[in-house]
Structure formats: structure tokens, C-alpha cells
Amino acid sequence: MYYDEDPIVERIKECADFPIDVEMKGAPDVLFEIVFKERIKQEEVDKVTSALEKFFFKYNRWHIRPIHYISSMWGDPPETVNVFTIRIHIDFGGAMPGAYIGAVKAIAESGADIYRLILL
């Protein structure tokens, strides 16, 4: 899905004060790799997962084409990629492109100490 001048990609990159790399080759299934400034702490992970949960329920309440799931919500802890990075899988299903922007904003506004976000 990545195009250099895709307006959705540009809007995603403007959602946070940390760098965001956007590839999203498998959209609507997107892997969110969240790189923290320090080693992974459960409190930081909880901030991100809680923010995504709230976003999921709010989005699905008001949209006909829902987000299908966020992997961390169903008892699966986020996958640990390395000592600084977790990975959360979101299946956006038939959700509108604004759902990608909303998920990134939720992460950015979570209060977690994030260094970089990568959308694969």
C-alpha cells in the first residue's frame, strides 16, 4: 500500500512527534512495531494496549465496517521483537482509511515513551 505521496501515509506520519515508518504491505492486516526509548516496561506496554482498546471500541461503535481485531485484546500479549520493541497485529477488515490514522493517534496519545513506530 505504501506510496511516496499517498495522502493517508502522509497523514499517518503527521500523527506523532516520533518517527513513523509506513509500509503496510499486508493491509488491511497491519503489524504495528512499537519501539520504546528504553527497555520494554510492562507499564508502557499497558499504556499502548489500553489506548488501542479504547480506540477499537469507540471506532467500532460508530462505524458500519468495523476493525476486526487487535491481537493484544484477546489474551495474547504483544509479541516481543527485541528488548525495545513490541509487535501488535491489527486486522482493520473493511474499516475506512481513517482507522489507520486513528490507531496511530491512539498510540501517540497513549503517554507511552515511544521512540519510533513502524507499520508493516
PDB file of N, CA and C in Angstrom:
ATOM      1  N   MET A   1       0.810  -1.197   0.000  1.00  0.00           N
ATOM      2  CA  MET A   1       0.000   0.000   0.000  1.00  0.00           C
ATOM      3  C   MET A   1       0.853   1.260   0.000  1.00  0.00           C
ATOM      4  N   TYR A   2       2.104   1.169   0.357  1.00  0.00           N
ATOM      5  CA  TYR A   2       2.923   2.372   0.522  1.00  0.00           C
ATOM      6  C   TYR A   2       3.210   3.050  -0.815  1.00  0.00           C
ATOM      7  N   TYR A   3       2.915   4.324  -0.862  1.00  0.00           N
ATOM      8  CA  TYR A   3       3.257   5.175  -1.997  1.00  0.00           C
ATOM      9  C   TYR A   3       3.844   6.445  -1.416  1.00  0.00           C
ATOM     10  N   ASP A   4       4.884   6.968  -2.070  1.00  0.00           N
ATOM     11  CA  ASP A   4       5.576   8.138  -1.526  1.00  0.00           C
ATOM     12  C   ASP A   4       4.657   9.310  -1.248  1.00  0.00           C
ATOM     13  N   GLU A   5       3.643   9.504  -2.074  1.00  0.00           N
ATOM     14  CA  GLU A   5       2.790  10.674  -1.901  1.00  0.00           C
ATOM     15  C   GLU A   5       1.355  10.297  -1.560  1.00  0.00           C
ATOM     16  N   ASP A   6       1.155   9.160  -0.962  1.00  0.00           N
ATOM     17  CA  ASP A   6      -0.176   8.727  -0.554  1.00  0.00           C
ATOM     18  C   ASP A   6      -0.651   9.651   0.561  1.00  0.00           C
ATOM     19  N   PRO A   7      -1.812  10.292   0.411  1.00  0.00           N
ATOM     20  CA  PRO A   7      -2.278  11.229   1.442  1.00  0.00           C
ATOM     21  C   PRO A   7      -2.530  10.574   2.801  1.00  0.00           C
ATOM     22  N   ILE A   8      -2.938   9.320   2.817  1.00  0.00           N
ATOM     23  CA  ILE A   8      -3.156   8.633   4.097  1.00  0.00           C
ATOM     24  C   ILE A   8      -1.811   8.421   4.795  1.00  0.00           C
ATOM     25  N   VAL A   9      -0.805   8.017   4.035  1.00  0.00           N
ATOM     26  CA  VAL A   9       0.525   7.808   4.614  1.00  0.00           C
ATOM     27  C   VAL A   9       1.051   9.123   5.185  1.00  0.00           C
ATOM     28  N   GLU A  10       0.874  10.190   4.450  1.00  0.00           N
ATOM     29  CA  GLU A  10       1.338  11.492   4.934  1.00  0.00           C
ATOM     30  C   GLU A  10       0.609  11.892   6.213  1.00  0.00           C
ATOM     31  N   ARG A  11      -0.682  11.645   6.278  1.00  0.00           N
ATOM     32  CA  ARG A  11      -1.446  11.975   7.491  1.00  0.00           C
ATOM     33  C   ARG A  11      -1.029  11.102   8.665  1.00  0.00           C
ATOM     34  N   ILE A  12      -0.726   9.824   8.394  1.00  0.00           N
ATOM     35  CA  ILE A  12      -0.251   8.930   9.450  1.00  0.00           C
ATOM     36  C   ILE A  12       1.053   9.469  10.026  1.00  0.00           C
ATOM     37  N   LYS A  13       1.961   9.876   9.158  1.00  0.00           N
ATOM     38  CA  LYS A  13       3.275  10.349   9.601  1.00  0.00           C
ATOM     39  C   LYS A  13       3.189  11.652  10.400  1.00  0.00           C
ATOM     40  N   GLU A  14       2.103  12.393  10.253  1.00  0.00           N
ATOM     41  CA  GLU A  14       1.926  13.652  10.971  1.00  0.00           C
ATOM     42  C   GLU A  14       1.253  13.477  12.338  1.00  0.00           C
ATOM     43  N   CYS A  15       0.908  12.250  12.698  1.00  0.00           N
ATOM     44  CA  CYS A  15       0.137  11.984  13.914  1.00  0.00           C
ATOM     45  C   CYS A  15       0.945  12.005  15.203  1.00  0.00           C
ATOM     46  N   ALA A  16       2.256  12.006  15.111  1.00  0.00           N
ATOM     47  CA  ALA A  16       3.058  11.871  16.325  1.00  0.00           C
ATOM     48  C   ALA A  16       4.321  12.706  16.234  1.00  0.00           C
ATOM     49  N   ASP A  17       4.943  12.902  17.386  1.00  0.00           N
ATOM     50  CA  ASP A  17       6.195  13.648  17.403  1.00  0.00           C
ATOM     51  C   ASP A  17       7.402  12.716  17.347  1.00  0.00           C
ATOM     52  N   PHE A  18       7.170  11.423  17.102  1.00  0.00           N
ATOM     53  CA  PHE A  18       8.261  10.473  16.890  1.00  0.00           C
ATOM     54  C   PHE A  18       8.173   9.973  15.450  1.00  0.00           C
ATOM     55  N   PRO A  19       9.276   9.437  14.905  1.00  0.00           N
ATOM     56  CA  PRO A  19       9.259   8.963  13.511  1.00  0.00           C
ATOM     57  C   PRO A  19       8.308   7.786  13.320  1.00  0.00           C
ATOM     58  N   ILE A  20       7.649   7.778  12.169  1.00  0.00           N
ATOM     59  CA  ILE A  20       6.742   6.692  11.807  1.00  0.00           C
ATOM     60  C   ILE A  20       7.122   6.210  10.413  1.00  0.00           C
ATOM     61  N   ASP A  21       7.442   4.920  10.309  1.00  0.00           N
ATOM     62  CA  ASP A  21       7.732   4.293   9.025  1.00  0.00           C
ATOM     63  C   ASP A  21       6.484   3.535   8.590  1.00  0.00           C
ATOM     64  N   VAL A  22       6.064   3.756   7.351  1.00  0.00           N
ATOM     65  CA  VAL A  22       4.827   3.140   6.870  1.00  0.00           C
ATOM     66  C   VAL A  22       5.108   2.283   5.648  1.00  0.00           C
ATOM     67  N   GLU A  23       4.839   0.984   5.775  1.00  0.00           N
ATOM     68  CA  GLU A  23       4.926   0.072   4.636  1.00  0.00           C
ATOM     69  C   GLU A  23       3.558  -0.545   4.372  1.00  0.00           C
ATOM     70  N   MET A  24       2.952  -1.137   5.385  1.00  0.00           N
ATOM     71  CA  MET A  24       1.604  -1.713   5.331  1.00  0.00           C
ATOM     72  C   MET A  24       1.378  -2.556   4.078  1.00  0.00           C
ATOM     73  N   LYS A  25       2.308  -3.439   3.784  1.00  0.00           N
ATOM     74  CA  LYS A  25       2.211  -4.293   2.597  1.00  0.00           C
ATOM     75  C   LYS A  25       1.039  -5.267   2.665  1.00  0.00           C
ATOM     76  N   GLY A  26       0.615  -5.643   3.863  1.00  0.00           N
ATOM     77  CA  GLY A  26      -0.440  -6.640   4.008  1.00  0.00           C
ATOM     78  C   GLY A  26      -1.784  -6.064   4.398  1.00  0.00           C
ATOM     79  N   ALA A  27      -1.964  -4.739   4.238  1.00  0.00           N
ATOM     80  CA  ALA A  27      -3.224  -4.108   4.646  1.00  0.00           C
ATOM     81  C   ALA A  27      -4.390  -4.847   3.998  1.00  0.00           C
ATOM     82  N   PRO A  28      -5.455  -5.101   4.734  1.00  0.00           N
ATOM     83  CA  PRO A  28      -5.877  -4.472   5.983  1.00  0.00           C
ATOM     84  C   PRO A  28      -5.268  -5.073   7.251  1.00  0.00           C
ATOM     85  N   ASP A  29      -4.430  -6.114   7.116  1.00  0.00           N
ATOM     86  CA  ASP A  29      -3.725  -6.634   8.288  1.00  0.00           C
ATOM     87  C   ASP A  29      -2.422  -5.857   8.431  1.00  0.00           C
ATOM     88  N   VAL A  30      -2.260  -5.195   9.564  1.00  0.00           N
ATOM     89  CA  VAL A  30      -1.089  -4.352   9.767  1.00  0.00           C
ATOM     90  C   VAL A  30      -0.399  -4.754  11.069  1.00  0.00           C
ATOM     91  N   LEU A  31       0.906  -4.893  10.996  1.00  0.00           N
ATOM     92  CA  LEU A  31       1.716  -5.153  12.178  1.00  0.00           C
ATOM     93  C   LEU A  31       2.273  -3.821  12.658  1.00  0.00           C
ATOM     94  N   PHE A  32       1.977  -3.475  13.892  1.00  0.00           N
ATOM     95  CA  PHE A  32       2.466  -2.247  14.497  1.00  0.00           C
ATOM     96  C   PHE A  32       3.668  -2.618  15.362  1.00  0.00           C
ATOM     97  N   GLU A  33       4.847  -2.216  14.942  1.00  0.00           N
ATOM     98  CA  GLU A  33       6.037  -2.418  15.764  1.00  0.00           C
ATOM     99  C   GLU A  33       6.285  -1.122  16.520  1.00  0.00           C
ATOM    100  N   ILE A  34       6.209  -1.206  17.820  1.00  0.00           N
ATOM    101  CA  ILE A  34       6.346  -0.038  18.679  1.00  0.00           C
ATOM    102  C   ILE A  34       7.699  -0.141  19.377  1.00  0.00           C
ATOM    103  N   VAL A  35       8.559   0.815  19.065  1.00  0.00           N
ATOM    104  CA  VAL A  35       9.910   0.834  19.615  1.00  0.00           C
ATOM    105  C   VAL A  35       9.940   1.868  20.743  1.00  0.00           C
ATOM    106  N   PHE A  36      10.255   1.409  21.941  1.00  0.00           N
ATOM    107  CA  PHE A  36      10.315   2.295  23.100  1.00  0.00           C
ATOM    108  C   PHE A  36      11.702   2.906  23.246  1.00  0.00           C
ATOM    109  N   LYS A  37      11.771   4.030  23.942  1.00  0.00           N
ATOM    110  CA  LYS A  37      13.055   4.705  24.163  1.00  0.00           C
ATOM    111  C   LYS A  37      13.959   3.914  25.101  1.00  0.00           C
ATOM    112  N   GLU A  38      13.350   3.147  25.996  1.00  0.00           N
ATOM    113  CA  GLU A  38      14.100   2.327  26.945  1.00  0.00           C
ATOM    114  C   GLU A  38      13.623   0.886  26.830  1.00  0.00           C
ATOM    115  N   ARG A  39      14.286   0.000  27.534  1.00  0.00           N
ATOM    116  CA  ARG A  39      13.855  -1.405  27.528  1.00  0.00           C
ATOM    117  C   ARG A  39      12.364  -1.495  27.852  1.00  0.00           C
ATOM    118  N   ILE A  40      11.734  -2.497  27.305  1.00  0.00           N
ATOM    119  CA  ILE A  40      10.291  -2.675  27.482  1.00  0.00           C
ATOM    120  C   ILE A  40       9.943  -2.764  28.964  1.00  0.00           C
ATOM    121  N   LYS A  41       8.968  -1.941  29.359  1.00  0.00           N
ATOM    122  CA  LYS A  41       8.417  -1.985  30.713  1.00  0.00           C
ATOM    123  C   LYS A  41       6.933  -2.275  30.576  1.00  0.00           C
ATOM    124  N   GLN A  42       6.415  -3.123  31.428  1.00  0.00           N
ATOM    125  CA  GLN A  42       5.009  -3.511  31.335  1.00  0.00           C
ATOM    126  C   GLN A  42       4.075  -2.309  31.410  1.00  0.00           C
ATOM    127  N   GLU A  43       4.433  -1.303  32.210  1.00  0.00           N
ATOM    128  CA  GLU A  43       3.576  -0.117  32.335  1.00  0.00           C
ATOM    129  C   GLU A  43       3.437   0.598  30.981  1.00  0.00           C
ATOM    130  N   GLU A  44       4.527   0.645  30.222  1.00  0.00           N
ATOM    131  CA  GLU A  44       4.499   1.305  28.912  1.00  0.00           C
ATOM    132  C   GLU A  44       3.666   0.500  27.920  1.00  0.00           C
ATOM    133  N   VAL A  45       3.814  -0.803  27.958  1.00  0.00           N
ATOM    134  CA  VAL A  45       3.024  -1.681  27.098  1.00  0.00           C
ATOM    135  C   VAL A  45       1.538  -1.532  27.435  1.00  0.00           C
ATOM    136  N   ASP A  46       1.223  -1.471  28.713  1.00  0.00           N
ATOM    137  CA  ASP A  46      -0.168  -1.320  29.151  1.00  0.00           C
ATOM    138  C   ASP A  46      -0.776  -0.007  28.658  1.00  0.00           C
ATOM    139  N   LYS A  47       0.012   1.060  28.648  1.00  0.00           N
ATOM    140  CA  LYS A  47      -0.483   2.345  28.141  1.00  0.00           C
ATOM    141  C   LYS A  47      -0.899   2.217  26.683  1.00  0.00           C
ATOM    142  N   VAL A  48      -0.057   1.563  25.884  1.00  0.00           N
ATOM    143  CA  VAL A  48      -0.341   1.415  24.453  1.00  0.00           C
ATOM    144  C   VAL A  48      -1.542   0.511  24.230  1.00  0.00           C
ATOM    145  N   THR A  49      -1.561  -0.648  24.885  1.00  0.00           N
ATOM    146  CA  THR A  49      -2.664  -1.590  24.652  1.00  0.00           C
ATOM    147  C   THR A  49      -3.990  -1.024  25.142  1.00  0.00           C
ATOM    148  N   SER A  50      -3.977  -0.307  26.243  1.00  0.00           N
ATOM    149  CA  SER A  50      -5.196   0.316  26.757  1.00  0.00           C
ATOM    150  C   SER A  50      -5.718   1.371  25.776  1.00  0.00           C
ATOM    151  N   ALA A  51      -4.823   2.182  25.241  1.00  0.00           N
ATOM    152  CA  ALA A  51      -5.220   3.215  24.271  1.00  0.00           C
ATOM    153  C   ALA A  51      -5.799   2.585  23.010  1.00  0.00           C
ATOM    154  N   LEU A  52      -5.198   1.496  22.547  1.00  0.00           N
ATOM    155  CA  LEU A  52      -5.720   0.816  21.353  1.00  0.00           C
ATOM    156  C   LEU A  52      -7.073   0.167  21.625  1.00  0.00           C
ATOM    157  N   GLU A  53      -7.243  -0.391  22.800  1.00  0.00           N
ATOM    158  CA  GLU A  53      -8.532  -0.979  23.181  1.00  0.00           C
ATOM    159  C   GLU A  53      -9.645   0.061  23.143  1.00  0.00           C
ATOM    160  N   LYS A  54      -9.387   1.197  23.774  1.00  0.00           N
ATOM    161  CA  LYS A  54     -10.381   2.270  23.791  1.00  0.00           C
ATOM    162  C   LYS A  54     -10.701   2.740  22.382  1.00  0.00           C
ATOM    163  N   PHE A  55      -9.664   2.891  21.562  1.00  0.00           N
ATOM    164  CA  PHE A  55      -9.877   3.304  20.176  1.00  0.00           C
ATOM    165  C   PHE A  55     -10.734   2.274  19.442  1.00  0.00           C
ATOM    166  N   PHE A  56     -10.436   0.993  19.595  1.00  0.00           N
ATOM    167  CA  PHE A  56     -11.162  -0.095  18.936  1.00  0.00           C
ATOM    168  C   PHE A  56     -12.656  -0.027  19.245  1.00  0.00           C
ATOM    169  N   PHE A  57     -12.995   0.058  20.527  1.00  0.00           N
ATOM    170  CA  PHE A  57     -14.405   0.072  20.910  1.00  0.00           C
ATOM    171  C   PHE A  57     -15.108   1.338  20.435  1.00  0.00           C
ATOM    172  N   LYS A  58     -14.431   2.459  20.539  1.00  0.00           N
ATOM    173  CA  LYS A  58     -15.024   3.719  20.078  1.00  0.00           C
ATOM    174  C   LYS A  58     -15.239   3.698  18.565  1.00  0.00           C
ATOM    175  N   TYR A  59     -14.243   3.261  17.822  1.00  0.00           N
ATOM    176  CA  TYR A  59     -14.362   3.219  16.360  1.00  0.00           C
ATOM    177  C   TYR A  59     -15.492   2.276  15.938  1.00  0.00           C
ATOM    178  N   ASN A  60     -15.491   1.073  16.500  1.00  0.00           N
ATOM    179  CA  ASN A  60     -16.489   0.078  16.080  1.00  0.00           C
ATOM    180  C   ASN A  60     -17.907   0.458  16.491  1.00  0.00           C
ATOM    181  N   ARG A  61     -18.044   1.262  17.519  1.00  0.00           N
ATOM    182  CA  ARG A  61     -19.370   1.696  17.947  1.00  0.00           C
ATOM    183  C   ARG A  61     -20.007   2.612  16.886  1.00  0.00           C
ATOM    184  N   TRP A  62     -19.193   3.382  16.169  1.00  0.00           N
ATOM    185  CA  TRP A  62     -19.723   4.405  15.277  1.00  0.00           C
ATOM    186  C   TRP A  62     -19.547   4.115  13.794  1.00  0.00           C
ATOM    187  N   HIS A  63     -19.001   2.955  13.440  1.00  0.00           N
ATOM    188  CA  HIS A  63     -18.765   2.665  12.027  1.00  0.00           C
ATOM    189  C   HIS A  63     -19.392   1.329  11.630  1.00  0.00           C
ATOM    190  N   ILE A  64     -19.969   1.317  10.447  1.00  0.00           N
ATOM    191  CA  ILE A  64     -20.633   0.108   9.942  1.00  0.00           C
ATOM    192  C   ILE A  64     -19.610  -0.968   9.591  1.00  0.00           C
ATOM    193  N   ARG A  65     -18.491  -0.560   9.003  1.00  0.00           N
ATOM    194  CA  ARG A  65     -17.438  -1.516   8.661  1.00  0.00           C
ATOM    195  C   ARG A  65     -16.374  -1.471   9.765  1.00  0.00           C
ATOM    196  N   PRO A  66     -16.410  -2.450  10.674  1.00  0.00           N
ATOM    197  CA  PRO A  66     -15.572  -2.387  11.874  1.00  0.00           C
ATOM    198  C   PRO A  66     -14.131  -2.858  11.651  1.00  0.00           C
ATOM    199  N   ILE A  67     -13.314  -2.531  12.629  1.00  0.00           N
ATOM    200  CA  ILE A  67     -11.996  -3.135  12.755  1.00  0.00           C
ATOM    201  C   ILE A  67     -12.260  -4.539  13.291  1.00  0.00           C
ATOM    202  N   HIS A  68     -11.655  -5.563  12.697  1.00  0.00           N
ATOM    203  CA  HIS A  68     -11.944  -6.932  13.115  1.00  0.00           C
ATOM    204  C   HIS A  68     -11.351  -7.255  14.481  1.00  0.00           C
ATOM    205  N   TYR A  69     -10.064  -7.010  14.662  1.00  0.00           N
ATOM    206  CA  TYR A  69      -9.485  -7.291  15.975  1.00  0.00           C
ATOM    207  C   TYR A  69      -8.117  -6.640  16.144  1.00  0.00           C
ATOM    208  N   ILE A  70      -7.734  -6.549  17.412  1.00  0.00           N
ATOM    209  CA  ILE A  70      -6.398  -6.134  17.811  1.00  0.00           C
ATOM    210  C   ILE A  70      -5.857  -7.292  18.643  1.00  0.00           C
ATOM    211  N   SER A  71      -4.761  -7.878  18.210  1.00  0.00           N
ATOM    212  CA  SER A  71      -4.270  -9.121  18.808  1.00  0.00           C
ATOM    213  C   SER A  71      -4.076  -9.038  20.323  1.00  0.00           C
ATOM    214  N   SER A  72      -3.643  -7.913  20.840  1.00  0.00           N
ATOM    215  CA  SER A  72      -3.367  -7.816  22.278  1.00  0.00           C
ATOM    216  C   SER A  72      -4.627  -7.818  23.137  1.00  0.00           C
ATOM    217  N   MET A  73      -5.788  -7.675  22.519  1.00  0.00           N
ATOM    218  CA  MET A  73      -7.037  -7.611  23.290  1.00  0.00           C
ATOM    219  C   MET A  73      -7.582  -8.980  23.666  1.00  0.00           C
ATOM    220  N   TRP A  74      -7.155 -10.028  23.011  1.00  0.00           N
ATOM    221  CA  TRP A  74      -7.770 -11.330  23.205  1.00  0.00           C
ATOM    222  C   TRP A  74      -6.869 -12.281  23.989  1.00  0.00           C
ATOM    223  N   GLY A  75      -6.185 -11.746  24.976  1.00  0.00           N
ATOM    224  CA  GLY A  75      -5.376 -12.593  25.844  1.00  0.00           C
ATOM    225  C   GLY A  75      -3.979 -12.878  25.326  1.00  0.00           C
ATOM    226  N   ASP A  76      -3.679 -12.432  24.112  1.00  0.00           N
ATOM    227  CA  ASP A  76      -2.329 -12.601  23.578  1.00  0.00           C
ATOM    228  C   ASP A  76      -1.529 -11.355  23.912  1.00  0.00           C
ATOM    229  N   PRO A  77      -0.492 -11.498  24.723  1.00  0.00           N
ATOM    230  CA  PRO A  77       0.320 -10.310  24.984  1.00  0.00           C
ATOM    231  C   PRO A  77       1.019  -9.888  23.702  1.00  0.00           C
ATOM    232  N   PRO A  78       1.346  -8.616  23.566  1.00  0.00           N
ATOM    233  CA  PRO A  78       2.072  -8.196  22.371  1.00  0.00           C
ATOM    234  C   PRO A  78       3.349  -9.022  22.222  1.00  0.00           C
ATOM    235  N   GLU A  79       3.664  -9.335  20.979  1.00  0.00           N
ATOM    236  CA  GLU A  79       4.874 -10.108  20.683  1.00  0.00           C
ATOM    237  C   GLU A  79       6.102  -9.244  20.970  1.00  0.00           C
ATOM    238  N   THR A  80       7.090  -9.810  21.620  1.00  0.00           N
ATOM    239  CA  THR A  80       8.337  -9.102  21.879  1.00  0.00           C
ATOM    240  C   THR A  80       9.273  -9.356  20.704  1.00  0.00           C
ATOM    241  N   VAL A  81       9.689  -8.279  20.038  1.00  0.00           N
ATOM    242  CA  VAL A  81      10.591  -8.385  18.891  1.00  0.00           C
ATOM    243  C   VAL A  81      12.042  -8.344  19.373  1.00  0.00           C
ATOM    244  N   ASN A  82      12.333  -7.417  20.270  1.00  0.00           N
ATOM    245  CA  ASN A  82      13.635  -7.320  20.920  1.00  0.00           C
ATOM    246  C   ASN A  82      13.431  -6.588  22.246  1.00  0.00           C
ATOM    247  N   VAL A  83      14.478  -6.202  22.942  1.00  0.00           N
ATOM    248  CA  VAL A  83      14.321  -5.617  24.273  1.00  0.00           C
ATOM    249  C   VAL A  83      13.673  -4.232  24.261  1.00  0.00           C
ATOM    250  N   PHE A  84      13.548  -3.622  23.097  1.00  0.00           N
ATOM    251  CA  PHE A  84      12.946  -2.295  22.981  1.00  0.00           C
ATOM    252  C   PHE A  84      11.625  -2.300  22.215  1.00  0.00           C
ATOM    253  N   THR A  85      11.280  -3.389  21.554  1.00  0.00           N
ATOM    254  CA  THR A  85      10.198  -3.389  20.570  1.00  0.00           C
ATOM    255  C   THR A  85       9.156  -4.466  20.822  1.00  0.00           C
ATOM    256  N   ILE A  86       7.886  -4.043  20.713  1.00  0.00           N
ATOM    257  CA  ILE A  86       6.771  -4.996  20.728  1.00  0.00           C
ATOM    258  C   ILE A  86       6.050  -4.918  19.391  1.00  0.00           C
ATOM    259  N   ARG A  87       5.296  -5.960  19.081  1.00  0.00           N
ATOM    260  CA  ARG A  87       4.529  -6.004  17.834  1.00  0.00           C
ATOM    261  C   ARG A  87       3.087  -6.353  18.164  1.00  0.00           C
ATOM    262  N   ILE A  88       2.173  -5.537  17.630  1.00  0.00           N
ATOM    263  CA  ILE A  88       0.738  -5.773  17.795  1.00  0.00           C
ATOM    264  C   ILE A  88       0.124  -5.872  16.402  1.00  0.00           C
ATOM    265  N   HIS A  89      -0.655  -6.925  16.183  1.00  0.00           N
ATOM    266  CA  HIS A  89      -1.316  -7.152  14.894  1.00  0.00           C
ATOM    267  C   HIS A  89      -2.734  -6.583  14.956  1.00  0.00           C
ATOM    268  N   ILE A  90      -3.060  -5.737  13.993  1.00  0.00           N
ATOM    269  CA  ILE A  90      -4.421  -5.212  13.892  1.00  0.00           C
ATOM    270  C   ILE A  90      -4.979  -5.596  12.540  1.00  0.00           C
ATOM    271  N   ASP A  91      -6.143  -6.244  12.547  1.00  0.00           N
ATOM    272  CA  ASP A  91      -6.863  -6.566  11.316  1.00  0.00           C
ATOM    273  C   ASP A  91      -7.936  -5.496  11.148  1.00  0.00           C
ATOM    274  N   PHE A  92      -7.696  -4.573  10.231  1.00  0.00           N
ATOM    275  CA  PHE A  92      -8.624  -3.466  10.019  1.00  0.00           C
ATOM    276  C   PHE A  92      -9.847  -3.879   9.211  1.00  0.00           C
ATOM    277  N   GLY A  93      -9.875  -5.111   8.681  1.00  0.00           N
ATOM    278  CA  GLY A  93     -11.049  -5.579   7.948  1.00  0.00           C
ATOM    279  C   GLY A  93     -11.453  -4.608   6.864  1.00  0.00           C
ATOM    280  N   GLY A  94     -12.708  -4.201   6.873  1.00  0.00           N
ATOM    281  CA  GLY A  94     -13.220  -3.259   5.881  1.00  0.00           C
ATOM    282  C   GLY A  94     -13.267  -1.831   6.388  1.00  0.00           C
ATOM    283  N   ALA A  95     -12.560  -1.549   7.465  1.00  0.00           N
ATOM    284  CA  ALA A  95     -12.591  -0.205   8.051  1.00  0.00           C
ATOM    285  C   ALA A  95     -12.090   0.845   7.056  1.00  0.00           C
ATOM    286  N   MET A  96     -12.546   2.044   7.239  1.00  0.00           N
ATOM    287  CA  MET A  96     -12.147   3.162   6.400  1.00  0.00           C
ATOM    288  C   MET A  96     -10.677   3.504   6.647  1.00  0.00           C
ATOM    289  N   PRO A  97     -10.009   4.150   5.678  1.00  0.00           N
ATOM    290  CA  PRO A  97      -8.597   4.518   5.858  1.00  0.00           C
ATOM    291  C   PRO A  97      -8.332   5.364   7.094  1.00  0.00           C
ATOM    292  N   GLY A  98      -9.313   6.123   7.528  1.00  0.00           N
ATOM    293  CA  GLY A  98      -9.148   6.922   8.734  1.00  0.00           C
ATOM    294  C   GLY A  98      -8.890   6.078   9.974  1.00  0.00           C
ATOM    295  N   ALA A  99      -9.245   4.790   9.935  1.00  0.00           N
ATOM    296  CA  ALA A  99      -8.996   3.908  11.071  1.00  0.00           C
ATOM    297  C   ALA A  99      -7.501   3.740  11.311  1.00  0.00           C
ATOM    298  N   TYR A 100      -6.712   3.701  10.246  1.00  0.00           N
ATOM    299  CA  TYR A 100      -5.257   3.605  10.403  1.00  0.00           C
ATOM    300  C   TYR A 100      -4.740   4.837  11.135  1.00  0.00           C
ATOM    301  N   ILE A 101      -5.225   5.991  10.727  1.00  0.00           N
ATOM    302  CA  ILE A 101      -4.819   7.254  11.350  1.00  0.00           C
ATOM    303  C   ILE A 101      -5.237   7.257  12.822  1.00  0.00           C
ATOM    304  N   GLY A 102      -6.458   6.830  13.097  1.00  0.00           N
ATOM    305  CA  GLY A 102      -6.948   6.799  14.472  1.00  0.00           C
ATOM    306  C   GLY A 102      -6.134   5.890  15.368  1.00  0.00           C
ATOM    307  N   ALA A 103      -5.734   4.734  14.856  1.00  0.00           N
ATOM    308  CA  ALA A 103      -4.931   3.810  15.658  1.00  0.00           C
ATOM    309  C   ALA A 103      -3.571   4.414  15.984  1.00  0.00           C
ATOM    310  N   VAL A 104      -2.964   5.069  14.995  1.00  0.00           N
ATOM    311  CA  VAL A 104      -1.666   5.708  15.236  1.00  0.00           C
ATOM    312  C   VAL A 104      -1.817   6.850  16.240  1.00  0.00           C
ATOM    313  N   LYS A 105      -2.875   7.637  16.107  1.00  0.00           N
ATOM    314  CA  LYS A 105      -3.107   8.720  17.065  1.00  0.00           C
ATOM    315  C   LYS A 105      -3.296   8.168  18.473  1.00  0.00           C
ATOM    316  N   ALA A 106      -4.020   7.059  18.594  1.00  0.00           N
ATOM    317  CA  ALA A 106      -4.230   6.452  19.908  1.00  0.00           C
ATOM    318  C   ALA A 106      -2.897   6.059  20.537  1.00  0.00           C
ATOM    319  N   ILE A 107      -2.013   5.490  19.735  1.00  0.00           N
ATOM    320  CA  ILE A 107      -0.690   5.110  20.241  1.00  0.00           C
ATOM    321  C   ILE A 107       0.093   6.355  20.633  1.00  0.00           C
ATOM    322  N   ALA A 108       0.074   7.366  19.766  1.00  0.00           N
ATOM    323  CA  ALA A 108       0.832   8.602  20.012  1.00  0.00           C
ATOM    324  C   ALA A 108       0.346   9.325  21.259  1.00  0.00           C
ATOM    325  N   GLU A 109      -0.950   9.252  21.537  1.00  0.00           N
ATOM    326  CA  GLU A 109      -1.532   9.955  22.673  1.00  0.00           C
ATOM    327  C   GLU A 109      -1.614   9.087  23.933  1.00  0.00           C
ATOM    328  N   SER A 110      -1.054   7.889  23.868  1.00  0.00           N
ATOM    329  CA  SER A 110      -1.140   6.958  24.999  1.00  0.00           C
ATOM    330  C   SER A 110      -0.313   7.379  26.207  1.00  0.00           C
ATOM    331  N   GLY A 111       0.655   8.250  25.987  1.00  0.00           N
ATOM    332  CA  GLY A 111       1.541   8.655  27.069  1.00  0.00           C
ATOM    333  C   GLY A 111       2.741   7.744  27.232  1.00  0.00           C
ATOM    334  N   ALA A 112       2.842   6.722  26.386  1.00  0.00           N
ATOM    335  CA  ALA A 112       3.994   5.819  26.451  1.00  0.00           C
ATOM    336  C   ALA A 112       5.228   6.518  25.894  1.00  0.00           C
ATOM    337  N   ASP A 113       6.378   6.105  26.368  1.00  0.00           N
ATOM    338  CA  ASP A 113       7.656   6.703  25.975  1.00  0.00           C
ATOM    339  C   ASP A 113       8.154   6.007  24.702  1.00  0.00           C
ATOM    340  N   ILE A 114       7.642   6.435  23.556  1.00  0.00           N
ATOM    341  CA  ILE A 114       7.891   5.763  22.279  1.00  0.00           C
ATOM    342  C   ILE A 114       8.980   6.486  21.492  1.00  0.00           C
ATOM    343  N   TYR A 115       9.885   5.690  20.933  1.00  0.00           N
ATOM    344  CA  TYR A 115      10.981   6.206  20.120  1.00  0.00           C
ATOM    345  C   TYR A 115      10.603   6.240  18.640  1.00  0.00           C
ATOM    346  N   ARG A 116       9.931   5.179  18.169  1.00  0.00           N
ATOM    347  CA  ARG A 116       9.593   5.064  16.743  1.00  0.00           C
ATOM    348  C   ARG A 116       8.422   4.081  16.603  1.00  0.00           C
ATOM    349  N   LEU A 117       7.678   4.254  15.522  1.00  0.00           N
ATOM    350  CA  LEU A 117       6.571   3.349  15.197  1.00  0.00           C
ATOM    351  C   LEU A 117       6.759   2.878  13.763  1.00  0.00           C
ATOM    352  N   ILE A 118       6.614   1.581  13.552  1.00  0.00           N
ATOM    353  CA  ILE A 118       6.774   1.004  12.223  1.00  0.00           C
ATOM    354  C   ILE A 118       5.502   0.242  11.898  1.00  0.00           C
ATOM    355  N   LEU A 119       4.884   0.564  10.763  1.00  0.00           N
ATOM    356  CA  LEU A 119       3.687  -0.133  10.320  1.00  0.00           C
ATOM    357  C   LEU A 119       4.064  -1.024   9.153  1.00  0.00           C
ATOM    358  N   LEU A 120       3.946  -2.334   9.390  1.00  0.00           N
ATOM    359  CA  LEU A 120       4.302  -3.321   8.374  1.00  0.00           C
ATOM    360  C   LEU A 120       3.068  -4.005   7.818  1.00  0.00           C
TER     361      LEU A 120
END
